Amino acid sequence: MCFKAQQIRCEQRVNWDASTAYRVEHADARLLERKRLYRQATLEKWSRLGRTHLNYILAAAALAEAVAGAALAEAAPRVSVGNFGLPGLVDLPIARKLPDGEMVLTQQLHRSLARTGASFQLLPNLGVAFRYSGHGSGGREANGRINHDRSFDAHLTLWGEGRYHPGLAVGLRDFIGTGWYSSEYVVATKSIENFEFTTGLGFGRLAGRDTLKTP
């Protein structure tokens, strides 16, 4: 009897130890799960805060860029572009220059003229342009044109306008191509209050005579 009672107590103790170990193991598992959920919630919270702050930073940067661009646009004088894609008034050049790195694409369509061009301010004081033009109507070439012309231009600003002196520029028009618009010029431009004055000296097509030969 004593042996059986001792055996029963041992079995009960073993069962109690196993139950206790099971409860401890499950308690540890629940604690680990709560820690994992807490870390996940914390990371999600900081991630949301980070995205919100990043959005605020990006919005502030975009606003600052827009304000700076508007201020620069107001400070920089507007440069008119002529029919040849470089600074000018209609067909006459002026002693101005485009902003550094600016590109201008032009397209002109008339009954007797079709002209497509691209201009680029290659250096702070040097602008270049390429054009492809079709002239006349009722001809035998493409789109009924009489002839077509490919031309390259260069516009070099020697110095900008000052308080007491005008800006000065020199240029070559159609210096590589068929020579249809071949001309050279020296031009000076000065602004006085709301008026702009331009004077210059032109050769070739600009003068209507003594056109220089192109390569």
N, C-alpha and C. Protein backbone atom coordinates (compact mmCIF):
# COMPACT_ATOMS: atom_id res chain seq x y z
N MET A 1 0.82 -1.20 0.00
CA MET A 1 0.00 0.00 0.00
C MET A 1 0.86 1.26 0.00
N CYS A 2 1.90 1.21 0.78
CA CYS A 2 2.79 2.38 0.82
C CYS A 2 3.44 2.60 -0.52
N PHE A 3 3.79 1.45 -1.15
CA PHE A 3 4.43 1.59 -2.47
C PHE A 3 3.47 2.16 -3.48
N LYS A 4 2.20 1.72 -3.48
CA LYS A 4 1.20 2.24 -4.41
C LYS A 4 0.91 3.72 -4.15
N ALA A 5 0.82 4.11 -2.91
CA ALA A 5 0.56 5.52 -2.58
C ALA A 5 1.70 6.40 -3.04
N GLN A 6 2.95 5.88 -2.84
CA GLN A 6 4.10 6.66 -3.27
C GLN A 6 4.13 6.79 -4.78
N GLN A 7 3.73 5.68 -5.48
CA GLN A 7 3.70 5.72 -6.94
C GLN A 7 2.66 6.70 -7.44
N ILE A 8 1.49 6.76 -6.79
CA ILE A 8 0.44 7.69 -7.18
C ILE A 8 0.90 9.12 -7.00
N ARG A 9 1.59 9.39 -5.86
CA ARG A 9 2.07 10.74 -5.61
C ARG A 9 3.12 11.14 -6.65
N CYS A 10 3.95 10.17 -7.04
CA CYS A 10 4.96 10.47 -8.07
C CYS A 10 4.31 10.79 -9.39
N GLU A 11 3.26 10.01 -9.76
CA GLU A 11 2.56 10.27 -11.02
C GLU A 11 1.87 11.64 -10.99
N GLN A 12 1.25 11.96 -9.83
CA GLN A 12 0.60 13.26 -9.71
C GLN A 12 1.61 14.40 -9.82
N ARG A 13 2.79 14.17 -9.19
CA ARG A 13 3.83 15.21 -9.27
C ARG A 13 4.31 15.38 -10.70
N VAL A 14 4.47 14.25 -11.42
CA VAL A 14 4.90 14.31 -12.81
C VAL A 14 3.87 15.03 -13.65
N ASN A 15 2.59 14.70 -13.42
CA ASN A 15 1.52 15.38 -14.16
C ASN A 15 1.49 16.87 -13.85
N TRP A 16 1.71 17.20 -12.58
CA TRP A 16 1.72 18.62 -12.20
C TRP A 16 2.88 19.36 -12.86
N ASP A 17 4.07 18.72 -12.85
CA ASP A 17 5.23 19.33 -13.49
C ASP A 17 5.00 19.51 -14.98
N ALA A 18 4.38 18.52 -15.63
CA ALA A 18 4.11 18.64 -17.08
C ALA A 18 3.11 19.75 -17.35
N SER A 19 2.06 19.85 -16.51
CA SER A 19 1.06 20.90 -16.69
C SER A 19 1.68 22.28 -16.47
N THR A 20 2.55 22.36 -15.43
CA THR A 20 3.20 23.64 -15.17
C THR A 20 4.11 24.04 -16.32
N ALA A 21 4.86 23.06 -16.83
CA ALA A 21 5.74 23.35 -17.96
C ALA A 21 4.94 23.77 -19.18
N TYR A 22 3.77 23.14 -19.40
CA TYR A 22 2.91 23.51 -20.53
C TYR A 22 2.41 24.94 -20.38
N ARG A 23 1.97 25.31 -19.14
CA ARG A 23 1.48 26.66 -18.92
C ARG A 23 2.61 27.68 -19.10
N VAL A 24 3.80 27.37 -18.58
CA VAL A 24 4.93 28.29 -18.73
C VAL A 24 5.29 28.47 -20.20
N GLU A 25 5.30 27.35 -20.93
CA GLU A 25 5.64 27.41 -22.36
C GLU A 25 4.62 28.25 -23.12
N HIS A 26 3.35 28.07 -22.87
CA HIS A 26 2.32 28.87 -23.53
C HIS A 26 2.38 30.33 -23.12
N ALA A 27 2.70 30.58 -21.85
CA ALA A 27 2.82 31.97 -21.39
C ALA A 27 3.99 32.65 -22.11
N ASP A 28 5.09 31.93 -22.27
CA ASP A 28 6.22 32.49 -23.00
C ASP A 28 5.86 32.76 -24.45
N ALA A 29 5.10 31.82 -25.07
CA ALA A 29 4.69 32.01 -26.47
C ALA A 29 3.79 33.22 -26.61
N ARG A 30 2.85 33.39 -25.68
CA ARG A 30 1.97 34.56 -25.74
C ARG A 30 2.76 35.84 -25.52
N LEU A 31 3.75 35.81 -24.61
CA LEU A 31 4.57 37.00 -24.37
C LEU A 31 5.38 37.36 -25.62
N LEU A 32 5.95 36.36 -26.27
CA LEU A 32 6.71 36.61 -27.49
C LEU A 32 5.81 37.17 -28.59
N GLU A 33 4.59 36.61 -28.69
CA GLU A 33 3.65 37.10 -29.72
C GLU A 33 3.27 38.54 -29.45
N ARG A 34 3.03 38.90 -28.16
CA ARG A 34 2.70 40.28 -27.83
C ARG A 34 3.87 41.22 -28.14
N LYS A 35 5.10 40.75 -27.85
CA LYS A 35 6.27 41.57 -28.18
C LYS A 35 6.39 41.77 -29.68
N ARG A 36 6.13 40.69 -30.45
CA ARG A 36 6.22 40.81 -31.91
C ARG A 36 5.17 41.77 -32.45
N LEU A 37 3.94 41.68 -31.95
CA LEU A 37 2.89 42.59 -32.39
C LEU A 37 3.20 44.03 -32.01
N TYR A 38 3.79 44.22 -30.81
CA TYR A 38 4.14 45.58 -30.38
C TYR A 38 5.23 46.17 -31.29
N ARG A 39 6.25 45.36 -31.59
CA ARG A 39 7.30 45.84 -32.49
C ARG A 39 6.74 46.17 -33.87
N GLN A 40 5.85 45.32 -34.37
CA GLN A 40 5.25 45.56 -35.69
C GLN A 40 4.43 46.84 -35.70
N ALA A 41 3.63 47.04 -34.64
CA ALA A 41 2.83 48.26 -34.55
C ALA A 41 3.72 49.50 -34.45
N THR A 42 4.82 49.39 -33.69
CA THR A 42 5.74 50.52 -33.57
C THR A 42 6.39 50.86 -34.90
N LEU A 43 6.81 49.81 -35.62
CA LEU A 43 7.43 50.04 -36.93
C LEU A 43 6.43 50.67 -37.91
N GLU A 44 5.20 50.19 -37.90
CA GLU A 44 4.18 50.77 -38.79
C GLU A 44 3.90 52.22 -38.43
N LYS A 45 3.89 52.53 -37.12
CA LYS A 45 3.66 53.91 -36.69
C LYS A 45 4.77 54.82 -37.19
N TRP A 46 6.02 54.41 -36.96
CA TRP A 46 7.14 55.24 -37.41
C TRP A 46 7.20 55.32 -38.93
N SER A 47 6.80 54.24 -39.59
CA SER A 47 6.79 54.28 -41.06
C SER A 47 5.77 55.29 -41.56
N ARG A 48 4.57 55.32 -40.94
CA ARG A 48 3.56 56.31 -41.33
C ARG A 48 4.05 57.72 -41.05
N LEU A 49 4.68 57.91 -39.87
CA LEU A 49 5.20 59.24 -39.55
C LEU A 49 6.29 59.65 -40.54
N GLY A 50 7.16 58.68 -40.91
CA GLY A 50 8.22 58.98 -41.87
C GLY A 50 7.67 59.36 -43.23
N ARG A 51 6.63 58.62 -43.69
CA ARG A 51 6.03 58.96 -44.98
C ARG A 51 5.38 60.33 -44.93
N THR A 52 4.72 60.63 -43.83
CA THR A 52 4.07 61.94 -43.69
C THR A 52 5.11 63.06 -43.71
N HIS A 53 6.19 62.88 -42.96
CA HIS A 53 7.24 63.91 -42.94
C HIS A 53 7.90 64.04 -44.30
N LEU A 54 8.10 62.90 -44.98
CA LEU A 54 8.70 62.95 -46.33
C LEU A 54 7.79 63.71 -47.28
N ASN A 55 6.48 63.48 -47.19
CA ASN A 55 5.55 64.22 -48.05
C ASN A 55 5.60 65.71 -47.76
N TYR A 56 5.70 66.07 -46.46
CA TYR A 56 5.82 67.48 -46.12
C TYR A 56 7.11 68.08 -46.69
N ILE A 57 8.20 67.33 -46.59
CA ILE A 57 9.49 67.82 -47.10
C ILE A 57 9.43 68.00 -48.61
N LEU A 58 8.87 67.01 -49.33
CA LEU A 58 8.77 67.11 -50.78
C LEU A 58 7.87 68.27 -51.20
N ALA A 59 6.76 68.46 -50.48
CA ALA A 59 5.86 69.57 -50.81
C ALA A 59 6.55 70.90 -50.57
N ALA A 60 7.30 71.00 -49.47
CA ALA A 60 8.02 72.25 -49.18
C ALA A 60 9.09 72.51 -50.23
N ALA A 61 9.80 71.45 -50.67
CA ALA A 61 10.83 71.62 -51.70
C ALA A 61 10.22 72.06 -53.02
N ALA A 62 9.07 71.45 -53.38
CA ALA A 62 8.41 71.85 -54.63
C ALA A 62 7.94 73.29 -54.57
N LEU A 63 7.40 73.70 -53.42
CA LEU A 63 6.95 75.08 -53.26
C LEU A 63 8.13 76.05 -53.35
N ALA A 64 9.25 75.70 -52.69
CA ALA A 64 10.43 76.57 -52.75
C ALA A 64 10.97 76.68 -54.17
N GLU A 65 10.96 75.55 -54.89
CA GLU A 65 11.44 75.59 -56.28
C GLU A 65 10.54 76.46 -57.16
N ALA A 66 9.22 76.34 -56.94
CA ALA A 66 8.29 77.15 -57.73
C ALA A 66 8.47 78.64 -57.44
N VAL A 67 8.64 78.97 -56.15
CA VAL A 67 8.84 80.38 -55.79
C VAL A 67 10.15 80.90 -56.37
N ALA A 68 11.22 80.09 -56.29
CA ALA A 68 12.51 80.52 -56.84
C ALA A 68 12.43 80.68 -58.35
N GLY A 69 11.73 79.73 -59.02
CA GLY A 69 11.58 79.84 -60.46
C GLY A 69 10.81 81.08 -60.86
N ALA A 70 9.75 81.39 -60.11
CA ALA A 70 8.98 82.60 -60.41
C ALA A 70 9.81 83.86 -60.19
N ALA A 71 10.62 83.85 -59.12
CA ALA A 71 11.47 85.02 -58.86
C ALA A 71 12.51 85.20 -59.96
N LEU A 72 13.11 84.08 -60.41
CA LEU A 72 14.09 84.18 -61.49
C LEU A 72 13.43 84.63 -62.78
N ALA A 73 12.21 84.12 -63.04
CA ALA A 73 11.51 84.52 -64.26
C ALA A 73 11.20 86.02 -64.25
N GLU A 74 10.85 86.55 -63.07
CA GLU A 74 10.58 87.98 -62.99
C GLU A 74 11.87 88.79 -63.12
N ALA A 75 12.97 88.26 -62.56
CA ALA A 75 14.22 89.01 -62.59
C ALA A 75 14.85 89.01 -63.98
N ALA A 76 14.75 87.86 -64.69
CA ALA A 76 15.40 87.77 -66.00
C ALA A 76 14.52 88.41 -67.07
N PRO A 77 15.10 89.25 -67.91
CA PRO A 77 14.30 89.86 -68.98
C PRO A 77 13.88 88.82 -70.01
N ARG A 78 12.71 89.01 -70.55
CA ARG A 78 12.20 88.08 -71.55
C ARG A 78 12.91 88.31 -72.87
N VAL A 79 13.37 87.23 -73.50
CA VAL A 79 14.09 87.31 -74.77
C VAL A 79 13.16 86.82 -75.87
N SER A 80 12.92 87.67 -76.86
CA SER A 80 12.08 87.28 -77.98
C SER A 80 12.89 86.46 -78.97
N VAL A 81 12.23 85.49 -79.59
CA VAL A 81 12.88 84.62 -80.56
C VAL A 81 12.31 84.93 -81.94
N GLY A 82 13.19 85.14 -82.91
CA GLY A 82 12.77 85.48 -84.26
C GLY A 82 12.40 84.26 -85.08
N ASN A 83 12.15 84.48 -86.36
CA ASN A 83 11.74 83.40 -87.25
C ASN A 83 12.83 82.36 -87.48
N PHE A 84 14.08 82.71 -87.14
CA PHE A 84 15.18 81.78 -87.34
C PHE A 84 15.56 81.03 -86.07
N GLY A 85 14.77 81.18 -85.02
CA GLY A 85 14.96 80.40 -83.81
C GLY A 85 15.94 80.96 -82.81
N LEU A 86 16.62 82.04 -83.13
CA LEU A 86 17.56 82.69 -82.22
C LEU A 86 17.03 84.06 -81.82
N PRO A 87 17.61 84.71 -80.81
CA PRO A 87 17.08 86.02 -80.39
C PRO A 87 16.94 86.98 -81.55
N GLY A 88 15.73 87.52 -81.71
CA GLY A 88 15.49 88.42 -82.82
C GLY A 88 14.07 88.93 -82.86
N LEU A 89 13.81 89.84 -83.77
CA LEU A 89 12.49 90.39 -84.03
C LEU A 89 12.13 90.08 -85.48
N VAL A 90 11.17 89.19 -85.67
CA VAL A 90 10.80 88.70 -87.00
C VAL A 90 12.06 88.10 -87.65
N ASP A 91 12.62 88.75 -88.68
CA ASP A 91 13.80 88.22 -89.36
C ASP A 91 15.09 88.91 -88.94
N LEU A 92 15.01 89.93 -88.07
CA LEU A 92 16.20 90.70 -87.69
C LEU A 92 16.75 90.20 -86.36
N PRO A 93 18.07 90.02 -86.27
CA PRO A 93 18.67 89.57 -85.00
C PRO A 93 18.76 90.72 -84.00
N ILE A 94 18.87 90.38 -82.72
CA ILE A 94 19.08 91.37 -81.66
C ILE A 94 20.24 90.87 -80.79
N ALA A 95 20.82 91.78 -80.03
CA ALA A 95 21.96 91.45 -79.18
C ALA A 95 21.48 90.95 -77.82
N ARG A 96 20.75 89.88 -77.83
CA ARG A 96 20.29 89.22 -76.62
C ARG A 96 20.74 87.76 -76.67
N LYS A 97 20.55 87.04 -75.59
CA LYS A 97 20.89 85.63 -75.57
C LYS A 97 19.86 84.87 -74.75
N LEU A 98 19.65 83.63 -75.10
CA LEU A 98 18.73 82.78 -74.37
C LEU A 98 19.38 82.32 -73.06
N PRO A 99 18.60 81.90 -72.09
CA PRO A 99 19.18 81.34 -70.86
C PRO A 99 20.06 80.13 -71.19
N ASP A 100 21.12 79.98 -70.44
CA ASP A 100 22.08 78.91 -70.69
C ASP A 100 21.39 77.54 -70.65
N GLY A 101 21.59 76.74 -71.71
CA GLY A 101 21.02 75.41 -71.76
C GLY A 101 19.60 75.34 -72.28
N GLU A 102 19.00 76.46 -72.63
CA GLU A 102 17.61 76.44 -73.10
C GLU A 102 17.52 75.98 -74.55
N MET A 103 16.49 75.19 -74.84
CA MET A 103 16.24 74.72 -76.20
C MET A 103 14.91 75.27 -76.68
N VAL A 104 14.88 75.66 -77.96
CA VAL A 104 13.67 76.22 -78.57
C VAL A 104 13.37 75.42 -79.84
N LEU A 105 12.15 74.94 -79.95
CA LEU A 105 11.69 74.25 -81.15
C LEU A 105 10.69 75.14 -81.86
N THR A 106 10.83 75.29 -83.16
CA THR A 106 9.95 76.17 -83.93
C THR A 106 9.36 75.41 -85.12
N GLN A 107 8.16 75.81 -85.48
CA GLN A 107 7.47 75.24 -86.65
C GLN A 107 6.66 76.35 -87.30
N GLN A 108 6.93 76.61 -88.57
CA GLN A 108 6.20 77.63 -89.32
C GLN A 108 5.62 76.99 -90.58
N LEU A 109 4.35 77.20 -90.77
CA LEU A 109 3.66 76.66 -91.94
C LEU A 109 2.89 77.78 -92.62
N HIS A 110 3.27 78.08 -93.86
CA HIS A 110 2.59 79.08 -94.67
C HIS A 110 2.35 78.49 -96.07
N ARG A 111 1.63 79.23 -96.84
CA ARG A 111 1.33 78.74 -98.19
C ARG A 111 2.61 78.56 -99.01
N SER A 112 3.55 79.46 -98.86
CA SER A 112 4.78 79.39 -99.65
C SER A 112 6.02 79.10 -98.80
N LEU A 113 5.82 78.67 -97.54
CA LEU A 113 6.96 78.39 -96.68
C LEU A 113 6.60 77.36 -95.62
N ALA A 114 7.47 76.40 -95.45
CA ALA A 114 7.37 75.44 -94.35
C ALA A 114 8.75 75.35 -93.71
N ARG A 115 8.85 75.68 -92.41
CA ARG A 115 10.16 75.74 -91.76
C ARG A 115 10.08 75.08 -90.39
N THR A 116 10.99 74.16 -90.15
CA THR A 116 11.10 73.48 -88.87
C THR A 116 12.50 73.72 -88.34
N GLY A 117 12.61 74.10 -87.07
CA GLY A 117 13.92 74.43 -86.53
C GLY A 117 14.08 74.04 -85.08
N ALA A 118 15.35 73.91 -84.68
CA ALA A 118 15.69 73.64 -83.28
C ALA A 118 16.88 74.53 -82.92
N SER A 119 16.77 75.24 -81.82
CA SER A 119 17.83 76.14 -81.35
C SER A 119 18.25 75.72 -79.95
N PHE A 120 19.52 75.94 -79.64
CA PHE A 120 20.03 75.54 -78.33
C PHE A 120 21.11 76.52 -77.89
N GLN A 121 20.99 76.97 -76.63
CA GLN A 121 22.02 77.84 -76.06
C GLN A 121 23.15 76.95 -75.58
N LEU A 122 24.12 76.71 -76.49
CA LEU A 122 25.17 75.73 -76.24
C LEU A 122 26.10 76.15 -75.11
N LEU A 123 26.48 77.41 -75.10
CA LEU A 123 27.34 77.99 -74.06
C LEU A 123 26.67 79.26 -73.55
N PRO A 124 27.11 79.78 -72.40
CA PRO A 124 26.46 80.99 -71.88
C PRO A 124 26.37 82.12 -72.90
N ASN A 125 27.33 82.25 -73.82
CA ASN A 125 27.31 83.34 -74.79
C ASN A 125 27.17 82.86 -76.24
N LEU A 126 26.96 81.58 -76.44
CA LEU A 126 26.89 81.03 -77.80
C LEU A 126 25.61 80.22 -77.99
N GLY A 127 24.80 80.66 -78.95
CA GLY A 127 23.61 79.92 -79.32
C GLY A 127 23.74 79.40 -80.74
N VAL A 128 23.22 78.20 -81.00
CA VAL A 128 23.28 77.60 -82.33
C VAL A 128 21.87 77.18 -82.74
N ALA A 129 21.68 77.05 -84.05
CA ALA A 129 20.35 76.68 -84.55
C ALA A 129 20.50 75.85 -85.82
N PHE A 130 19.54 74.95 -86.02
CA PHE A 130 19.45 74.17 -87.26
C PHE A 130 18.02 74.31 -87.79
N ARG A 131 17.90 74.47 -89.10
CA ARG A 131 16.58 74.61 -89.72
C ARG A 131 16.50 73.77 -90.99
N TYR A 132 15.28 73.35 -91.29
CA TYR A 132 15.00 72.71 -92.57
C TYR A 132 13.76 73.40 -93.14
N SER A 133 13.92 74.01 -94.31
CA SER A 133 12.85 74.83 -94.88
C SER A 133 12.48 74.35 -96.27
N GLY A 134 11.20 74.48 -96.57
CA GLY A 134 10.71 74.25 -97.93
C GLY A 134 10.09 75.53 -98.45
N HIS A 135 10.45 75.94 -99.69
CA HIS A 135 10.03 77.23 -100.23
C HIS A 135 9.12 77.06 -101.44
N GLY A 136 8.23 78.04 -101.59
CA GLY A 136 7.39 78.12 -102.78
C GLY A 136 6.23 77.14 -102.74
N SER A 137 5.46 77.16 -103.80
CA SER A 137 4.33 76.25 -103.96
C SER A 137 4.18 75.93 -105.45
N GLY A 138 3.58 74.78 -105.72
CA GLY A 138 3.40 74.36 -107.12
C GLY A 138 4.66 73.80 -107.74
N GLY A 139 5.66 73.48 -106.91
CA GLY A 139 6.89 72.92 -107.45
C GLY A 139 6.83 71.41 -107.57
N ARG A 140 7.96 70.83 -107.95
CA ARG A 140 8.03 69.39 -108.17
C ARG A 140 8.66 68.63 -107.01
N GLU A 141 9.10 69.34 -105.98
CA GLU A 141 9.70 68.65 -104.84
C GLU A 141 8.62 68.26 -103.83
N ALA A 142 9.05 67.69 -102.72
CA ALA A 142 8.11 67.17 -101.72
C ALA A 142 7.14 68.25 -101.26
N ASN A 143 5.88 67.86 -101.09
CA ASN A 143 4.82 68.76 -100.65
C ASN A 143 4.62 69.95 -101.58
N GLY A 144 4.99 69.78 -102.85
CA GLY A 144 4.77 70.83 -103.84
C GLY A 144 5.70 72.02 -103.71
N ARG A 145 6.84 71.88 -102.99
CA ARG A 145 7.77 72.99 -102.82
C ARG A 145 8.69 73.11 -104.04
N ILE A 146 9.16 74.34 -104.23
CA ILE A 146 10.08 74.59 -105.34
C ILE A 146 11.49 74.12 -104.98
N ASN A 147 11.92 74.38 -103.76
CA ASN A 147 13.22 73.88 -103.29
C ASN A 147 13.19 73.73 -101.77
N HIS A 148 14.24 73.09 -101.25
CA HIS A 148 14.39 72.90 -99.81
C HIS A 148 15.77 73.36 -99.38
N ASP A 149 15.85 73.79 -98.11
CA ASP A 149 17.11 74.36 -97.61
C ASP A 149 17.39 73.82 -96.21
N ARG A 150 18.64 73.38 -96.00
CA ARG A 150 19.13 73.02 -94.67
C ARG A 150 20.18 74.05 -94.26
N SER A 151 20.05 74.55 -93.06
CA SER A 151 20.97 75.62 -92.67
C SER A 151 21.31 75.56 -91.19
N PHE A 152 22.52 76.03 -90.88
CA PHE A 152 23.01 76.13 -89.51
C PHE A 152 23.33 77.60 -89.22
N ASP A 153 23.00 78.02 -87.98
CA ASP A 153 23.27 79.39 -87.56
C ASP A 153 24.08 79.39 -86.26
N ALA A 154 24.78 80.49 -86.02
CA ALA A 154 25.48 80.70 -84.75
C ALA A 154 25.32 82.15 -84.34
N HIS A 155 25.06 82.36 -83.05
CA HIS A 155 24.83 83.71 -82.51
C HIS A 155 25.72 83.85 -81.28
N LEU A 156 26.72 84.73 -81.36
CA LEU A 156 27.70 84.90 -80.29
C LEU A 156 27.53 86.27 -79.63
N THR A 157 27.26 86.26 -78.34
CA THR A 157 27.14 87.51 -77.58
C THR A 157 28.52 87.91 -77.08
N LEU A 158 29.03 89.05 -77.55
CA LEU A 158 30.35 89.51 -77.13
C LEU A 158 30.32 90.06 -75.72
N TRP A 159 29.31 90.86 -75.41
CA TRP A 159 29.09 91.31 -74.04
C TRP A 159 27.63 91.72 -73.87
N GLY A 160 27.17 91.64 -72.65
CA GLY A 160 25.80 91.97 -72.35
C GLY A 160 25.59 93.46 -72.18
N GLU A 161 24.34 93.84 -72.11
CA GLU A 161 24.00 95.25 -71.95
C GLU A 161 24.35 95.73 -70.56
N GLY A 162 24.95 96.92 -70.51
CA GLY A 162 25.28 97.54 -69.23
C GLY A 162 24.43 98.77 -68.99
N ARG A 163 24.76 99.46 -67.93
CA ARG A 163 23.97 100.65 -67.59
C ARG A 163 24.14 101.75 -68.63
N TYR A 164 25.37 101.88 -69.17
CA TYR A 164 25.63 102.97 -70.11
C TYR A 164 26.00 102.49 -71.51
N HIS A 165 26.08 101.22 -71.73
CA HIS A 165 26.47 100.73 -73.06
C HIS A 165 25.53 99.62 -73.50
N PRO A 166 25.35 99.44 -74.81
CA PRO A 166 24.46 98.40 -75.31
C PRO A 166 25.15 97.03 -75.31
N GLY A 167 24.33 95.98 -75.41
CA GLY A 167 24.87 94.66 -75.63
C GLY A 167 25.30 94.53 -77.08
N LEU A 168 26.30 93.69 -77.33
CA LEU A 168 26.83 93.53 -78.68
C LEU A 168 26.93 92.05 -79.02
N ALA A 169 26.51 91.69 -80.23
CA ALA A 169 26.54 90.30 -80.67
C ALA A 169 26.91 90.23 -82.15
N VAL A 170 27.51 89.13 -82.55
CA VAL A 170 27.81 88.85 -83.95
C VAL A 170 27.20 87.49 -84.29
N GLY A 171 26.91 87.29 -85.57
CA GLY A 171 26.27 86.04 -85.94
C GLY A 171 26.53 85.64 -87.36
N LEU A 172 26.41 84.33 -87.59
CA LEU A 172 26.47 83.74 -88.92
C LEU A 172 25.17 83.00 -89.16
N ARG A 173 24.57 83.27 -90.28
CA ARG A 173 23.29 82.64 -90.61
C ARG A 173 23.47 81.80 -91.88
N ASP A 174 23.07 80.53 -91.78
CA ASP A 174 23.17 79.61 -92.92
C ASP A 174 24.61 79.51 -93.43
N PHE A 175 25.57 79.35 -92.48
CA PHE A 175 26.97 79.28 -92.89
C PHE A 175 27.37 77.85 -93.28
N ILE A 176 26.54 76.87 -92.98
CA ILE A 176 26.73 75.50 -93.47
C ILE A 176 25.40 75.05 -94.06
N GLY A 177 25.35 74.84 -95.33
CA GLY A 177 24.10 74.44 -95.97
C GLY A 177 24.07 74.89 -97.41
N THR A 178 22.89 75.12 -97.93
CA THR A 178 22.75 75.52 -99.33
C THR A 178 23.03 76.99 -99.55
N GLY A 179 23.06 77.78 -98.46
CA GLY A 179 23.35 79.20 -98.60
C GLY A 179 22.17 80.05 -98.98
N TRP A 180 20.97 79.51 -98.89
CA TRP A 180 19.78 80.27 -99.29
C TRP A 180 19.61 81.50 -98.41
N TYR A 181 19.89 81.36 -97.11
CA TYR A 181 19.76 82.49 -96.18
C TYR A 181 21.12 83.03 -95.73
N SER A 182 22.17 82.73 -96.45
CA SER A 182 23.52 83.07 -96.01
C SER A 182 23.67 84.56 -95.71
N SER A 183 24.11 84.88 -94.50
CA SER A 183 24.30 86.28 -94.09
C SER A 183 25.14 86.32 -92.83
N GLU A 184 25.71 87.48 -92.58
CA GLU A 184 26.52 87.75 -91.40
C GLU A 184 26.09 89.09 -90.82
N TYR A 185 26.26 89.26 -89.54
CA TYR A 185 25.78 90.51 -88.93
C TYR A 185 26.55 90.85 -87.67
N VAL A 186 26.54 92.14 -87.35
CA VAL A 186 26.97 92.70 -86.07
C VAL A 186 25.81 93.54 -85.57
N VAL A 187 25.37 93.33 -84.35
CA VAL A 187 24.17 94.00 -83.87
C VAL A 187 24.37 94.47 -82.44
N ALA A 188 23.79 95.62 -82.11
CA ALA A 188 23.84 96.19 -80.76
C ALA A 188 22.41 96.49 -80.30
N THR A 189 22.12 96.22 -79.04
CA THR A 189 20.78 96.43 -78.49
C THR A 189 20.89 97.12 -77.14
N LYS A 190 20.03 98.13 -76.93
CA LYS A 190 20.01 98.86 -75.65
C LYS A 190 18.57 99.14 -75.25
N SER A 191 18.27 98.88 -73.98
CA SER A 191 16.94 99.17 -73.45
C SER A 191 16.97 100.47 -72.66
N ILE A 192 15.98 101.31 -72.91
CA ILE A 192 15.81 102.56 -72.17
C ILE A 192 14.36 102.60 -71.67
N GLU A 193 14.22 102.39 -70.37
CA GLU A 193 12.91 102.26 -69.74
C GLU A 193 12.11 101.16 -70.45
N ASN A 194 10.97 101.49 -71.06
CA ASN A 194 10.15 100.47 -71.70
C ASN A 194 10.41 100.32 -73.20
N PHE A 195 11.46 100.96 -73.68
CA PHE A 195 11.78 100.91 -75.10
C PHE A 195 13.09 100.16 -75.31
N GLU A 196 13.14 99.43 -76.42
CA GLU A 196 14.35 98.70 -76.78
C GLU A 196 14.80 99.12 -78.17
N PHE A 197 16.06 99.53 -78.27
CA PHE A 197 16.60 100.01 -79.53
C PHE A 197 17.66 99.04 -80.03
N THR A 198 17.60 98.74 -81.33
CA THR A 198 18.56 97.83 -81.94
C THR A 198 19.09 98.44 -83.23
N THR A 199 20.38 98.36 -83.42
CA THR A 199 21.01 98.80 -84.65
C THR A 199 22.12 97.82 -85.00
N GLY A 200 22.47 97.74 -86.26
CA GLY A 200 23.51 96.79 -86.62
C GLY A 200 23.93 96.93 -88.07
N LEU A 201 24.83 96.04 -88.45
CA LEU A 201 25.38 96.01 -89.79
C LEU A 201 25.25 94.58 -90.31
N GLY A 202 24.60 94.42 -91.46
CA GLY A 202 24.37 93.09 -92.01
C GLY A 202 24.99 92.91 -93.38
N PHE A 203 25.35 91.69 -93.70
CA PHE A 203 25.92 91.35 -94.99
C PHE A 203 25.12 90.20 -95.59
N GLY A 204 25.34 89.94 -96.86
CA GLY A 204 24.67 88.84 -97.51
C GLY A 204 23.19 89.09 -97.68
N ARG A 205 22.38 88.11 -97.32
CA ARG A 205 20.94 88.23 -97.53
C ARG A 205 20.34 89.36 -96.71
N LEU A 206 20.93 89.66 -95.55
CA LEU A 206 20.43 90.78 -94.75
C LEU A 206 20.61 92.10 -95.48
N ALA A 207 21.66 92.20 -96.33
CA ALA A 207 21.87 93.42 -97.09
C ALA A 207 21.35 93.31 -98.52
N GLY A 208 21.00 92.10 -98.92
CA GLY A 208 20.48 91.90 -100.28
C GLY A 208 21.57 91.78 -101.33
N ARG A 209 22.85 91.68 -100.91
CA ARG A 209 23.94 91.57 -101.89
C ARG A 209 25.21 91.07 -101.20
N ASP A 210 26.23 90.76 -102.02
CA ASP A 210 27.55 90.35 -101.53
C ASP A 210 27.46 89.17 -100.56
N THR A 211 26.69 88.15 -100.97
CA THR A 211 26.56 86.97 -100.12
C THR A 211 27.86 86.17 -100.13
N LEU A 212 28.35 85.79 -98.95
CA LEU A 212 29.55 84.97 -98.86
C LEU A 212 29.23 83.52 -99.16
N LYS A 213 30.16 82.82 -99.77
CA LYS A 213 29.95 81.43 -100.12
C LYS A 213 30.06 80.57 -98.87
N THR A 214 29.25 79.51 -98.80
CA THR A 214 29.28 78.58 -97.68
C THR A 214 30.03 77.33 -98.09
N PRO A 215 30.64 76.62 -97.13
CA PRO A 215 31.37 75.40 -97.49
C PRO A 215 30.44 74.29 -97.93
